[in-house]
Amino acid sequence: MSSKRRYFYGVKVQFVMIHDGLPVELYIHAGCQADIPGMRALGPQLPAGSVLYANAA
């Protein structure tokens, strides 16, 4: 598990997708970084009434 190691090498890719599964924005960052800075960097401009789903982050 990467959480038990001192170093983690890899990347994370975060997407903002429309309901059809088409990605409209993405953010790539180091795998050792938390997900929250990625969401802040994306800063999605969503229309009123939109729903944003995310994992436990």
N, C-alpha and C. Protein backbone atom coordinates (compact mmCIF):
# COMPACT_ATOMS: atom_id res chain seq x y z
N MET A 1 0.84 -1.18 0.00
CA MET A 1 0.00 0.00 0.00
C MET A 1 0.89 1.25 0.00
N SER A 2 0.54 2.20 -0.80
CA SER A 2 1.35 3.41 -0.90
C SER A 2 1.32 4.23 0.38
N SER A 3 0.27 4.14 1.17
CA SER A 3 0.18 4.94 2.39
C SER A 3 1.17 4.48 3.45
N LYS A 4 1.70 3.28 3.33
CA LYS A 4 2.64 2.75 4.32
C LYS A 4 4.10 2.98 3.90
N ARG A 5 4.32 3.40 2.68
CA ARG A 5 5.68 3.63 2.19
C ARG A 5 6.09 5.08 2.44
N ARG A 6 7.38 5.28 2.45
CA ARG A 6 7.88 6.64 2.65
C ARG A 6 7.72 7.48 1.38
N TYR A 7 7.88 6.88 0.22
CA TYR A 7 7.78 7.60 -1.05
C TYR A 7 6.75 6.92 -1.94
N PHE A 8 6.10 7.71 -2.74
CA PHE A 8 5.15 7.18 -3.71
C PHE A 8 5.44 7.85 -5.04
N TYR A 9 5.66 7.05 -6.06
CA TYR A 9 5.94 7.58 -7.39
C TYR A 9 4.74 7.32 -8.27
N GLY A 10 4.24 8.34 -8.89
CA GLY A 10 3.10 8.18 -9.77
C GLY A 10 2.38 9.51 -9.93
N VAL A 11 1.28 9.47 -10.63
CA VAL A 11 0.48 10.67 -10.85
C VAL A 11 -0.98 10.36 -10.55
N LYS A 12 -1.73 11.41 -10.29
CA LYS A 12 -3.18 11.34 -10.15
C LYS A 12 -3.77 12.20 -11.25
N VAL A 13 -4.86 11.76 -11.79
CA VAL A 13 -5.58 12.54 -12.78
C VAL A 13 -7.00 12.72 -12.26
N GLN A 14 -7.42 13.97 -12.12
CA GLN A 14 -8.77 14.27 -11.66
C GLN A 14 -9.54 14.87 -12.82
N PHE A 15 -10.79 14.43 -12.97
CA PHE A 15 -11.63 14.87 -14.08
C PHE A 15 -12.90 15.55 -13.59
N VAL A 16 -13.39 16.48 -14.38
CA VAL A 16 -14.75 16.98 -14.26
C VAL A 16 -15.43 16.51 -15.54
N MET A 17 -16.51 15.75 -15.39
CA MET A 17 -17.21 15.18 -16.56
C MET A 17 -18.66 15.61 -16.58
N ILE A 18 -19.22 15.63 -17.77
CA ILE A 18 -20.65 15.86 -17.88
C ILE A 18 -21.36 14.52 -17.65
N HIS A 19 -22.67 14.54 -17.55
CA HIS A 19 -23.42 13.33 -17.20
C HIS A 19 -23.25 12.19 -18.19
N ASP A 20 -22.83 12.48 -19.41
CA ASP A 20 -22.60 11.44 -20.42
C ASP A 20 -21.23 10.78 -20.30
N GLY A 21 -20.41 11.26 -19.36
CA GLY A 21 -19.08 10.70 -19.16
C GLY A 21 -18.00 11.37 -19.98
N LEU A 22 -18.31 12.46 -20.65
CA LEU A 22 -17.34 13.19 -21.45
C LEU A 22 -16.55 14.14 -20.54
N PRO A 23 -15.22 13.97 -20.44
CA PRO A 23 -14.44 14.88 -19.59
C PRO A 23 -14.36 16.27 -20.19
N VAL A 24 -14.57 17.28 -19.36
CA VAL A 24 -14.51 18.66 -19.83
C VAL A 24 -13.36 19.43 -19.20
N GLU A 25 -12.83 18.94 -18.07
CA GLU A 25 -11.66 19.53 -17.41
C GLU A 25 -10.86 18.40 -16.79
N LEU A 26 -9.55 18.58 -16.70
CA LEU A 26 -8.74 17.61 -15.98
C LEU A 26 -7.57 18.30 -15.32
N TYR A 27 -7.05 17.64 -14.28
CA TYR A 27 -5.91 18.16 -13.53
C TYR A 27 -5.00 16.97 -13.22
N ILE A 28 -3.73 17.10 -13.54
CA ILE A 28 -2.74 16.04 -13.30
C ILE A 28 -1.77 16.56 -12.25
N HIS A 29 -1.57 15.75 -11.20
CA HIS A 29 -0.62 16.14 -10.17
C HIS A 29 0.06 14.91 -9.61
N ALA A 30 1.06 15.13 -8.76
CA ALA A 30 1.84 14.03 -8.18
C ALA A 30 0.93 13.11 -7.36
N GLY A 31 1.21 11.83 -7.43
CA GLY A 31 0.42 10.85 -6.72
C GLY A 31 0.48 10.98 -5.22
N CYS A 32 1.53 11.60 -4.70
CA CYS A 32 1.67 11.75 -3.24
C CYS A 32 0.87 12.94 -2.71
N GLN A 33 0.32 13.78 -3.59
CA GLN A 33 -0.46 14.93 -3.14
C GLN A 33 -1.90 14.52 -2.82
N ALA A 34 -2.52 15.25 -1.93
CA ALA A 34 -3.93 15.01 -1.59
C ALA A 34 -4.83 15.43 -2.76
N ASP A 35 -6.08 15.00 -2.72
CA ASP A 35 -7.03 15.32 -3.79
C ASP A 35 -7.58 16.74 -3.70
N ILE A 36 -7.65 17.30 -2.50
CA ILE A 36 -8.26 18.61 -2.31
C ILE A 36 -7.56 19.71 -3.12
N PRO A 37 -6.22 19.81 -3.13
CA PRO A 37 -5.58 20.84 -3.97
C PRO A 37 -5.93 20.69 -5.46
N GLY A 38 -6.13 19.46 -5.90
CA GLY A 38 -6.53 19.25 -7.28
C GLY A 38 -7.91 19.81 -7.57
N MET A 39 -8.84 19.61 -6.64
CA MET A 39 -10.18 20.16 -6.83
C MET A 39 -10.15 21.68 -6.81
N ARG A 40 -9.33 22.23 -5.94
CA ARG A 40 -9.21 23.70 -5.89
C ARG A 40 -8.60 24.24 -7.17
N ALA A 41 -7.63 23.52 -7.73
CA ALA A 41 -6.99 23.96 -8.97
C ALA A 41 -7.97 23.90 -10.14
N LEU A 42 -8.83 22.88 -10.14
CA LEU A 42 -9.82 22.79 -11.21
C LEU A 42 -10.81 23.94 -11.12
N GLY A 43 -11.30 24.21 -9.92
CA GLY A 43 -12.24 25.32 -9.73
C GLY A 43 -13.37 25.30 -10.73
N PRO A 44 -14.12 24.19 -10.80
CA PRO A 44 -15.14 24.08 -11.84
C PRO A 44 -16.21 25.16 -11.72
N GLN A 45 -16.51 25.77 -12.84
CA GLN A 45 -17.58 26.76 -12.92
C GLN A 45 -18.84 26.02 -13.36
N LEU A 46 -19.64 25.62 -12.40
CA LEU A 46 -20.81 24.80 -12.69
C LEU A 46 -22.07 25.65 -12.73
N PRO A 47 -22.98 25.33 -13.66
CA PRO A 47 -24.24 26.06 -13.72
C PRO A 47 -25.09 25.77 -12.48
N ALA A 48 -26.02 26.65 -12.19
CA ALA A 48 -26.93 26.46 -11.06
C ALA A 48 -27.68 25.14 -11.22
N GLY A 49 -27.83 24.42 -10.13
CA GLY A 49 -28.53 23.14 -10.15
C GLY A 49 -27.65 21.95 -10.49
N SER A 50 -26.35 22.18 -10.72
CA SER A 50 -25.43 21.09 -11.04
C SER A 50 -25.13 20.27 -9.79
N VAL A 51 -24.74 19.03 -10.01
CA VAL A 51 -24.37 18.14 -8.91
C VAL A 51 -22.92 17.71 -9.14
N LEU A 52 -22.10 17.83 -8.10
CA LEU A 52 -20.70 17.44 -8.16
C LEU A 52 -20.51 16.22 -7.27
N TYR A 53 -20.09 15.09 -7.86
CA TYR A 53 -19.84 13.88 -7.11
C TYR A 53 -18.33 13.73 -6.94
N ALA A 54 -17.90 13.30 -5.76
CA ALA A 54 -16.49 13.08 -5.48
C ALA A 54 -16.35 11.87 -4.58
N ASN A 55 -15.13 11.36 -4.48
CA ASN A 55 -14.91 10.25 -3.55
C ASN A 55 -14.75 10.81 -2.14
N ALA A 56 -14.24 10.02 -1.23
CA ALA A 56 -14.16 10.40 0.17
C ALA A 56 -13.25 11.59 0.43
N ALA A 57 -12.47 12.02 -0.54
CA ALA A 57 -11.57 13.16 -0.36
C ALA A 57 -12.40 14.40 -0.14
